[in-house]
Amino acid sequence: MNPATQNGSHVNDLDGDKKERRVYKVALTGGPCAGKTTVQAMMSTFFENLGWKVYRVPEAATILLGGGVKFPDLSEQEVYNFQENLMRTLLQLEQTFFDLASTSKKDTIVICDRGAMDPSSYMSSEQWDKLLENNGWNNVSLRDARYDQVIHLVSAAQGAEDFYTLANNNTRKEPIEQARKLDRLTQQAWVGHPYVDVIENNIDFSKKVRRAIDAVCFRMRIDTGDRLSPESVKRKFLVTSLPDVKAFPVFQDFDVVHNYLSTSNPERQARLRRRGQNGHFTYMHTLRLETKVSSQIVEVRTNLSARDYEILFSQVDHTRQSVYKTRRCFLWGNQYFQLDIYNEPCHPRCKGLLILETYTTIKQGDLELPDFLDIAKEVTGDPSYSMFHLALKE
């Protein structure tokens, strides 16, 4: 297996002799009147202009609700049956386009209008759990393994109320307060996915669209020149103590294990990650290297099957030990945070270590950090807090 891969199904020979196609899957989510359909169309045009093949997955709920379904006329059991069939329709629609993308001879992006976790926002937790159990589904596969990136577009009902309208969608019936609630629930449904970007309404809509496209290009490491300006950077903060779980907003905890692999080039770092909940895991290979252009650090990622993970695990670097963490993901003020709680067995330098991370364009000093956490200092760029150093045995 070629270890030189990136987010999605991209394979790229680092010596430049061969460049194979990429497949990248994006879920556009958000509350009512968030601009998903418009963003999907404009994002499609942008990538088509780059020479990509673009597939657009339509919103399953709009298709079914446009067929005459009226929720007030349905019994509780009929509502559940409808939601179950909606979910099956959504998954099959997506799979149709995913299969087409897998055989495409061009770089391909699949842009989904909503994703597999969105229906959970319209159901009680008990109904959602029943739906998962009856169909053999689980949150990890639906949320974490299905899409390379999630873009949450905040509803106009949150911060752009003058633009909230029911006129441009025949199936949209939600009053503004319900739209706000659904927007919040939809955000929470995706807490835990490793790559979520929240696009707010504190800018005009054209800039909101560009920021959404910007976020996708940034994650995909696409150089867009001066057409878009990806400015988000990872910032890291040392936390002194772990508060009670009741202090946190809605969160998702994940069991994470990192292992470094032996490489023939000391300037390259290769690592494996296993991440999951309740015995369900996703697997990723990351190759970190320094480019010759401006000494830029690039991380090239690919999702792995469990079998490929086990094969690559045989190449583990014995000078470094496994790093065990609980990764707590949550939203605070529309900012997506991850708190890494380092667990034993570990080197003494990791005992009790807590590191908060976020990607943001907000300048230093202006970022609002969670007020329930005791932040000791910012450690962005400090090599002593890099995982490569923390994993060192000696």
Protein backbone atom coordinates (compact mmCIF):
# COMPACT_ATOMS: atom_id res chain seq x y z
CA MET A 1 0.00 0.00 0.00
CA ASN A 2 1.33 3.45 -0.90
CA PRO A 3 1.48 5.47 2.36
CA ALA A 4 1.48 8.79 0.51
CA THR A 5 -2.23 9.58 0.69
CA GLN A 6 -4.45 12.45 1.76
CA ASN A 7 -7.94 13.15 3.13
CA GLY A 8 -10.42 11.28 0.95
CA SER A 9 -9.24 8.66 -1.52
CA HIS A 10 -6.30 10.62 -2.86
CA VAL A 11 -3.09 8.85 -3.81
CA ASN A 12 -0.09 10.99 -4.66
CA ASP A 13 3.47 9.89 -5.38
CA LEU A 14 5.76 12.21 -3.41
CA ASP A 15 8.51 12.06 -6.01
CA GLY A 16 6.17 13.67 -8.55
CA ASP A 17 6.25 10.78 -11.03
CA LYS A 18 2.60 9.89 -10.64
CA LYS A 19 -0.54 11.64 -9.56
CA GLU A 20 -3.70 9.63 -9.21
CA ARG A 21 -7.22 10.88 -8.80
CA ARG A 22 -8.76 12.14 -5.57
CA VAL A 23 -12.23 11.52 -4.19
CA TYR A 24 -13.45 13.90 -1.50
CA LYS A 25 -16.84 13.75 0.25
CA VAL A 26 -18.37 16.84 1.89
CA ALA A 27 -21.61 17.05 3.88
CA LEU A 28 -23.29 20.46 3.95
CA THR A 29 -25.47 20.75 7.03
CA GLY A 30 -27.24 23.44 9.02
CA GLY A 31 -30.64 24.62 10.19
CA PRO A 32 -33.44 25.85 7.90
CA CYS A 33 -32.56 28.76 5.59
CA ALA A 34 -28.80 28.35 6.01
CA GLY A 35 -27.93 28.54 2.31
CA LYS A 36 -27.03 24.89 1.79
CA THR A 37 -28.50 24.61 -1.70
CA THR A 38 -26.84 27.83 -2.88
CA VAL A 39 -23.50 26.89 -1.36
CA GLN A 40 -23.73 23.45 -2.99
CA ALA A 41 -24.32 25.05 -6.39
CA MET A 42 -21.55 27.64 -6.09
CA MET A 43 -19.10 25.14 -4.63
CA SER A 44 -19.88 22.85 -7.57
CA THR A 45 -19.12 25.63 -10.04
CA PHE A 46 -15.87 26.46 -8.25
CA PHE A 47 -14.54 22.89 -8.40
CA GLU A 48 -15.79 22.35 -11.94
CA ASN A 49 -13.75 25.45 -12.89
CA LEU A 50 -10.72 23.71 -11.40
CA GLY A 51 -11.31 20.74 -13.71
CA TRP A 52 -12.84 18.44 -11.10
CA LYS A 53 -15.73 16.07 -11.62
CA VAL A 54 -18.51 17.19 -9.27
CA TYR A 55 -21.43 15.13 -8.00
CA ARG A 56 -24.21 16.86 -6.08
CA VAL A 57 -26.36 14.70 -3.80
CA PRO A 58 -29.85 16.24 -3.44
CA GLU A 59 -31.55 16.63 -0.08
CA ALA A 60 -33.60 13.47 0.51
CA ALA A 61 -36.06 15.20 2.84
CA THR A 62 -36.96 17.81 0.20
CA ILE A 63 -37.63 15.05 -2.34
CA LEU A 64 -39.91 13.08 -0.01
CA LEU A 65 -41.66 16.01 1.63
CA GLY A 66 -42.30 17.47 -1.81
CA GLY A 67 -44.41 14.38 -2.53
CA GLY A 68 -47.26 15.52 -0.32
CA VAL A 69 -46.19 14.31 3.15
CA LYS A 70 -47.80 16.40 5.92
CA PHE A 71 -46.38 15.65 9.36
CA PRO A 72 -49.47 16.88 11.27
CA ASP A 73 -51.50 14.21 9.46
CA LEU A 74 -49.21 11.35 10.52
CA SER A 75 -49.45 9.18 13.61
CA GLU A 76 -46.40 8.73 15.86
CA GLN A 77 -45.65 5.35 14.28
CA GLU A 78 -46.08 6.81 10.78
CA VAL A 79 -43.63 9.59 11.65
CA TYR A 80 -41.08 7.00 12.80
CA ASN A 81 -41.62 4.89 9.65
CA PHE A 82 -41.19 7.98 7.47
CA GLN A 83 -37.94 8.96 9.21
CA GLU A 84 -36.60 5.41 8.83
CA ASN A 85 -37.38 5.40 5.11
CA LEU A 86 -35.97 8.92 4.78
CA MET A 87 -32.72 7.68 6.30
CA ARG A 88 -32.56 4.70 3.95
CA THR A 89 -33.26 6.97 0.98
CA LEU A 90 -30.54 9.41 2.05
CA LEU A 91 -27.96 6.65 2.41
CA GLN A 92 -28.86 5.08 -0.94
CA LEU A 93 -28.78 8.43 -2.74
CA GLU A 94 -25.33 9.11 -1.35
CA GLN A 95 -24.07 5.62 -2.12
CA THR A 96 -25.14 5.99 -5.75
CA PHE A 97 -22.90 9.04 -6.13
CA PHE A 98 -20.11 7.58 -3.97
CA ASP A 99 -20.00 4.55 -6.29
CA LEU A 100 -19.84 6.78 -9.36
CA ALA A 101 -17.05 8.82 -7.79
CA SER A 102 -15.05 5.69 -7.01
CA THR A 103 -14.80 4.86 -10.71
CA SER A 104 -14.25 8.41 -11.96
CA LYS A 105 -11.08 8.99 -13.94
CA LYS A 106 -10.85 12.61 -12.73
CA ASP A 107 -10.40 14.24 -9.34
CA THR A 108 -13.91 14.08 -7.89
CA ILE A 109 -15.79 15.84 -5.12
CA VAL A 110 -19.16 14.65 -3.83
CA ILE A 111 -21.13 17.47 -2.18
CA CYS A 112 -24.06 16.23 -0.09
CA ASP A 113 -27.00 18.48 0.77
CA ARG A 114 -27.28 17.32 4.39
CA GLY A 115 -25.70 14.21 5.83
CA ALA A 116 -26.53 11.01 7.69
CA MET A 117 -26.61 12.58 11.18
CA ASP A 118 -29.10 15.32 10.27
CA PRO A 119 -32.24 13.16 10.75
CA SER A 120 -31.27 12.72 14.41
CA SER A 121 -32.03 16.43 14.93
CA TYR A 122 -35.67 15.79 14.05
CA MET A 123 -36.13 12.79 16.36
CA SER A 124 -35.93 12.10 20.07
CA SER A 125 -32.77 10.37 21.29
CA GLU A 126 -34.86 7.28 22.05
CA GLN A 127 -36.23 7.17 18.50
CA TRP A 128 -32.74 7.66 17.06
CA ASP A 129 -31.30 4.84 19.16
CA LYS A 130 -34.15 2.58 18.06
CA LEU A 131 -33.52 3.52 14.42
CA LEU A 132 -29.82 2.63 14.74
CA GLU A 133 -30.52 -0.66 16.47
CA ASN A 134 -33.23 -1.78 14.04
CA ASN A 135 -30.99 -1.16 11.03
CA GLY A 136 -27.59 -2.19 12.36
CA TRP A 137 -26.19 1.35 12.11
CA ASN A 138 -23.95 3.20 14.57
CA ASN A 139 -22.96 6.83 15.10
CA VAL A 140 -19.27 6.28 14.33
CA SER A 141 -19.85 4.89 10.84
CA LEU A 142 -22.60 7.40 9.99
CA ARG A 143 -20.86 10.46 11.40
CA ASP A 144 -17.10 9.90 11.34
CA ALA A 145 -16.31 7.44 8.56
CA ARG A 146 -18.77 8.52 5.87
CA TYR A 147 -17.59 12.05 5.01
CA ASP A 148 -14.14 13.63 4.81
CA GLN A 149 -15.47 16.98 6.04
CA VAL A 150 -18.64 18.54 7.44
CA ILE A 151 -19.56 22.17 6.72
CA HIS A 152 -22.21 23.53 9.10
CA LEU A 153 -23.88 26.63 7.67
CA VAL A 154 -25.56 28.53 10.49
CA SER A 155 -29.25 29.26 9.82
CA ALA A 156 -30.20 32.82 8.94
CA ALA A 157 -32.43 32.55 12.02
CA GLN A 158 -29.21 32.91 14.03
CA GLY A 159 -27.73 36.35 13.45
CA ALA A 160 -29.25 37.14 10.04
CA GLU A 161 -32.93 37.21 10.96
CA ASP A 162 -33.81 39.75 8.26
CA PHE A 163 -32.91 37.13 5.66
CA TYR A 164 -34.86 34.25 7.18
CA THR A 165 -37.63 33.33 4.77
CA LEU A 166 -39.97 30.46 4.02
CA ALA A 167 -40.58 31.66 0.47
CA ASN A 168 -37.76 29.93 -1.41
CA ASN A 169 -38.40 26.38 -0.20
CA ASN A 170 -41.87 24.88 -0.54
CA THR A 171 -41.15 22.25 2.13
CA ARG A 172 -39.82 24.71 4.73
CA LYS A 173 -42.48 25.37 7.39
CA GLU A 174 -40.44 26.17 10.52
CA PRO A 175 -41.05 29.44 12.39
CA ILE A 176 -37.88 31.31 13.35
CA GLU A 177 -37.64 29.99 16.93
CA GLN A 178 -37.92 26.40 15.75
CA ALA A 179 -35.32 27.09 13.07
CA ARG A 180 -32.91 28.29 15.78
CA LYS A 181 -33.53 25.12 17.80
CA LEU A 182 -33.00 22.89 14.76
CA ASP A 183 -29.79 24.73 13.90
CA ARG A 184 -28.44 24.11 17.39
CA LEU A 185 -29.47 20.43 17.36
CA THR A 186 -27.90 19.91 13.94
CA GLN A 187 -24.61 21.39 15.15
CA GLN A 188 -24.65 19.08 18.15
CA ALA A 189 -25.42 16.03 16.00
CA TRP A 190 -22.04 16.40 14.25
CA VAL A 191 -19.96 16.96 17.39
CA GLY A 192 -17.31 14.26 17.21
CA HIS A 193 -16.55 14.33 13.49
CA PRO A 194 -12.81 15.10 13.16
CA TYR A 195 -13.23 17.87 10.56
CA VAL A 196 -16.16 20.21 11.20
CA ASP A 197 -16.19 23.85 10.07
CA VAL A 198 -18.93 26.20 11.29
CA ILE A 199 -19.72 29.07 8.90
CA GLU A 200 -21.52 31.89 10.74
CA ASN A 201 -23.65 34.83 9.58
CA ASN A 202 -21.36 37.65 10.75
CA ILE A 203 -20.51 38.43 7.11
CA ASP A 204 -22.59 39.03 3.99
CA PHE A 205 -23.90 35.95 2.23
CA SER A 206 -21.48 36.06 -0.71
CA LYS A 207 -18.61 36.04 1.78
CA LYS A 208 -20.33 33.22 3.68
CA VAL A 209 -20.31 31.16 0.48
CA ARG A 210 -16.65 31.93 -0.17
CA ARG A 211 -15.76 31.05 3.40
CA ALA A 212 -17.45 27.66 3.02
CA ILE A 213 -15.51 26.96 -0.18
CA ASP A 214 -12.38 28.30 1.53
CA ALA A 215 -12.84 25.83 4.39
CA VAL A 216 -13.04 22.88 1.97
CA CYS A 217 -9.99 24.04 0.00
CA PHE A 218 -8.03 24.50 3.23
CA ARG A 219 -8.74 20.97 4.42
CA MET A 220 -7.92 19.57 0.97
CA ARG A 221 -4.66 21.56 0.79
CA ILE A 222 -5.70 23.14 -2.52
CA ASP A 223 -3.78 26.29 -3.44
CA THR A 224 -6.38 28.77 -4.67
CA GLY A 225 -4.04 31.75 -5.09
CA ASP A 226 -5.77 35.06 -4.43
CA ARG A 227 -9.24 33.73 -5.23
CA LEU A 228 -9.66 32.45 -1.69
CA SER A 229 -7.51 33.06 1.33
CA PRO A 230 -7.45 30.15 3.79
CA GLU A 231 -6.26 31.71 7.05
CA SER A 232 -7.35 29.19 9.66
CA VAL A 233 -4.53 27.93 11.88
CA LYS A 234 -4.42 25.34 14.64
CA ARG A 235 -4.02 26.86 18.08
CA LYS A 236 -3.20 24.83 21.19
CA PHE A 237 -3.64 25.67 24.87
CA LEU A 238 -2.44 23.94 28.04
CA VAL A 239 -5.29 23.26 30.49
CA THR A 240 -4.43 22.88 34.16
CA SER A 241 -7.27 20.66 35.39
CA LEU A 242 -10.27 18.73 34.10
CA PRO A 243 -13.60 20.13 35.33
CA ASP A 244 -16.64 18.04 36.11
CA VAL A 245 -18.46 16.78 33.02
CA LYS A 246 -21.47 18.91 34.00
CA ALA A 247 -19.44 22.02 33.20
CA PHE A 248 -19.19 21.05 29.52
CA PRO A 249 -21.76 21.79 26.82
CA VAL A 250 -22.95 18.83 24.71
CA PHE A 251 -19.85 16.78 23.90
CA GLN A 252 -18.65 13.53 22.37
CA ASP A 253 -15.80 11.49 23.87
CA PHE A 254 -13.61 9.27 21.71
CA ASP A 255 -10.98 6.67 22.53
CA VAL A 256 -7.91 7.59 20.48
CA VAL A 257 -4.63 5.71 20.07
CA HIS A 258 -1.69 7.12 18.09
CA ASN A 259 1.35 5.10 16.99
CA TYR A 260 4.35 6.31 15.03
CA LEU A 261 5.81 4.19 12.25
CA SER A 262 9.42 3.71 11.21
CA THR A 263 10.38 5.71 8.10
CA SER A 264 13.47 5.61 5.91
CA ASN A 265 13.57 9.43 5.77
CA PRO A 266 14.10 11.08 9.19
CA GLU A 267 12.45 14.29 7.89
CA ARG A 268 9.15 12.45 7.48
CA GLN A 269 6.83 11.42 10.27
CA ALA A 270 4.31 8.65 9.72
CA ARG A 271 1.66 7.74 12.25
CA LEU A 272 -1.46 5.64 12.66
CA ARG A 273 -4.60 6.70 14.47
CA ARG A 274 -7.42 4.56 15.79
CA ARG A 275 -10.44 6.58 16.90
CA GLY A 276 -13.87 5.43 18.00
CA GLN A 277 -16.65 4.90 20.48
CA ASN A 278 -18.26 1.82 22.00
CA GLY A 279 -16.05 -0.61 20.11
CA HIS A 280 -16.60 1.00 16.67
CA PHE A 281 -13.47 2.54 15.17
CA THR A 282 -12.15 4.50 12.21
CA TYR A 283 -8.51 4.30 11.16
CA MET A 284 -6.21 6.87 9.60
CA HIS A 285 -2.66 7.06 8.29
CA THR A 286 -0.90 10.45 8.39
CA LEU A 287 2.36 11.30 6.66
CA ARG A 288 3.89 14.57 7.84
CA LEU A 289 6.65 16.07 5.71
CA GLU A 290 8.41 19.35 5.09
CA THR A 291 8.12 20.67 1.55
CA LYS A 292 10.90 22.46 -0.31
CA VAL A 293 8.63 25.49 -0.82
CA SER A 294 9.00 27.88 2.15
CA SER A 295 9.77 24.88 4.40
CA GLN A 296 6.01 24.33 4.69
CA ILE A 297 4.82 21.41 6.80
CA VAL A 298 2.23 19.27 5.04
CA GLU A 299 0.20 16.47 6.58
CA VAL A 300 -1.04 13.94 4.05
CA ARG A 301 -3.89 11.74 5.32
CA THR A 302 -5.89 8.73 4.26
CA ASN A 303 -8.63 6.66 5.84
CA LEU A 304 -7.73 2.99 6.32
CA SER A 305 -9.61 -0.25 6.65
CA ALA A 306 -9.09 -2.23 9.84
CA ARG A 307 -7.05 -4.76 7.84
CA ASP A 308 -4.71 -2.11 6.39
CA TYR A 309 -4.32 -0.63 9.85
CA GLU A 310 -3.16 -3.98 11.23
CA ILE A 311 -0.73 -4.46 8.33
CA LEU A 312 0.86 -1.03 8.83
CA PHE A 313 0.98 -1.55 12.60
CA SER A 314 3.78 -4.08 12.02
CA GLN A 315 5.99 -1.09 11.04
CA VAL A 316 5.64 0.63 14.43
CA ASP A 317 8.60 2.75 15.61
CA HIS A 318 9.90 1.07 18.77
CA THR A 319 11.64 4.24 19.98
CA ARG A 320 8.21 5.74 20.60
CA GLN A 321 5.34 4.39 22.62
CA SER A 322 1.64 4.36 21.96
CA VAL A 323 -0.19 7.54 22.93
CA TYR A 324 -3.61 6.97 24.52
CA LYS A 325 -6.06 9.83 24.72
CA THR A 326 -9.68 10.62 25.35
CA ARG A 327 -10.63 13.27 22.79
CA ARG A 328 -13.55 15.41 23.95
CA CYS A 329 -15.20 17.36 21.11
CA PHE A 330 -17.60 20.23 21.77
CA LEU A 331 -18.87 23.55 20.47
CA TRP A 332 -18.41 26.78 22.40
CA GLY A 333 -19.74 30.04 20.97
CA ASN A 334 -19.94 28.48 17.48
CA GLN A 335 -16.23 27.55 17.74
CA TYR A 336 -15.32 23.86 17.46
CA PHE A 337 -12.91 22.66 20.18
CA GLN A 338 -11.13 19.39 20.96
CA LEU A 339 -9.79 18.67 24.43
CA ASP A 340 -7.18 15.89 24.48
CA ILE A 341 -7.09 14.08 27.82
CA TYR A 342 -3.92 11.95 27.92
CA ASN A 343 -4.34 8.54 29.53
CA GLU A 344 -2.08 5.82 30.92
CA PRO A 345 -0.04 3.88 30.00
CA CYS A 346 2.09 6.85 29.05
CA HIS A 347 5.44 8.55 29.63
CA PRO A 348 5.54 10.60 32.87
CA ARG A 349 5.60 13.79 30.77
CA CYS A 350 2.06 12.96 29.59
CA LYS A 351 0.55 12.09 32.97
CA GLY A 352 -2.39 14.37 33.64
CA LEU A 353 -1.75 16.34 30.44
CA LEU A 354 -4.69 18.29 28.99
CA ILE A 355 -4.40 20.14 25.66
CA LEU A 356 -7.18 22.19 24.06
CA GLU A 357 -7.11 22.65 20.28
CA THR A 358 -9.10 24.63 17.72
CA TYR A 359 -8.74 25.83 14.13
CA THR A 360 -9.49 29.52 13.78
CA THR A 361 -8.79 32.69 11.82
CA ILE A 362 -9.25 34.80 14.95
CA LYS A 363 -6.13 36.74 15.90
CA GLN A 364 -4.13 36.01 19.03
CA GLY A 365 -5.77 37.55 22.09
CA ASP A 366 -9.18 37.91 20.42
CA LEU A 367 -10.17 34.24 20.57
CA GLU A 368 -12.85 33.58 23.17
CA LEU A 369 -11.85 30.42 25.04
CA PRO A 370 -14.27 28.25 27.07
CA ASP A 371 -14.70 30.05 30.39
CA PHE A 372 -15.19 26.81 32.35
CA LEU A 373 -11.62 25.69 31.56
CA ASP A 374 -8.56 26.88 33.47
CA ILE A 375 -6.13 27.79 30.67
CA ALA A 376 -2.50 27.93 31.79
CA LYS A 377 -0.93 29.23 28.57
CA GLU A 378 -0.95 28.97 24.78
CA VAL A 379 1.46 26.31 23.48
CA THR A 380 0.90 26.71 19.73
CA GLY A 381 4.15 25.83 17.98
CA ASP A 382 5.89 24.64 21.16
CA PRO A 383 7.67 21.39 20.14
CA SER A 384 7.64 20.08 23.71
CA TYR A 385 3.85 19.70 23.37
CA SER A 386 3.94 18.05 19.96
CA MET A 387 2.72 14.47 19.97
CA PHE A 388 5.93 13.40 18.23
CA HIS A 389 7.87 14.55 21.32
CA LEU A 390 5.28 13.29 23.82
CA ALA A 391 5.52 9.77 22.33
CA LEU A 392 9.29 9.53 22.75
CA LYS A 393 10.28 6.77 25.17
CA GLU A 394 13.54 8.33 26.35
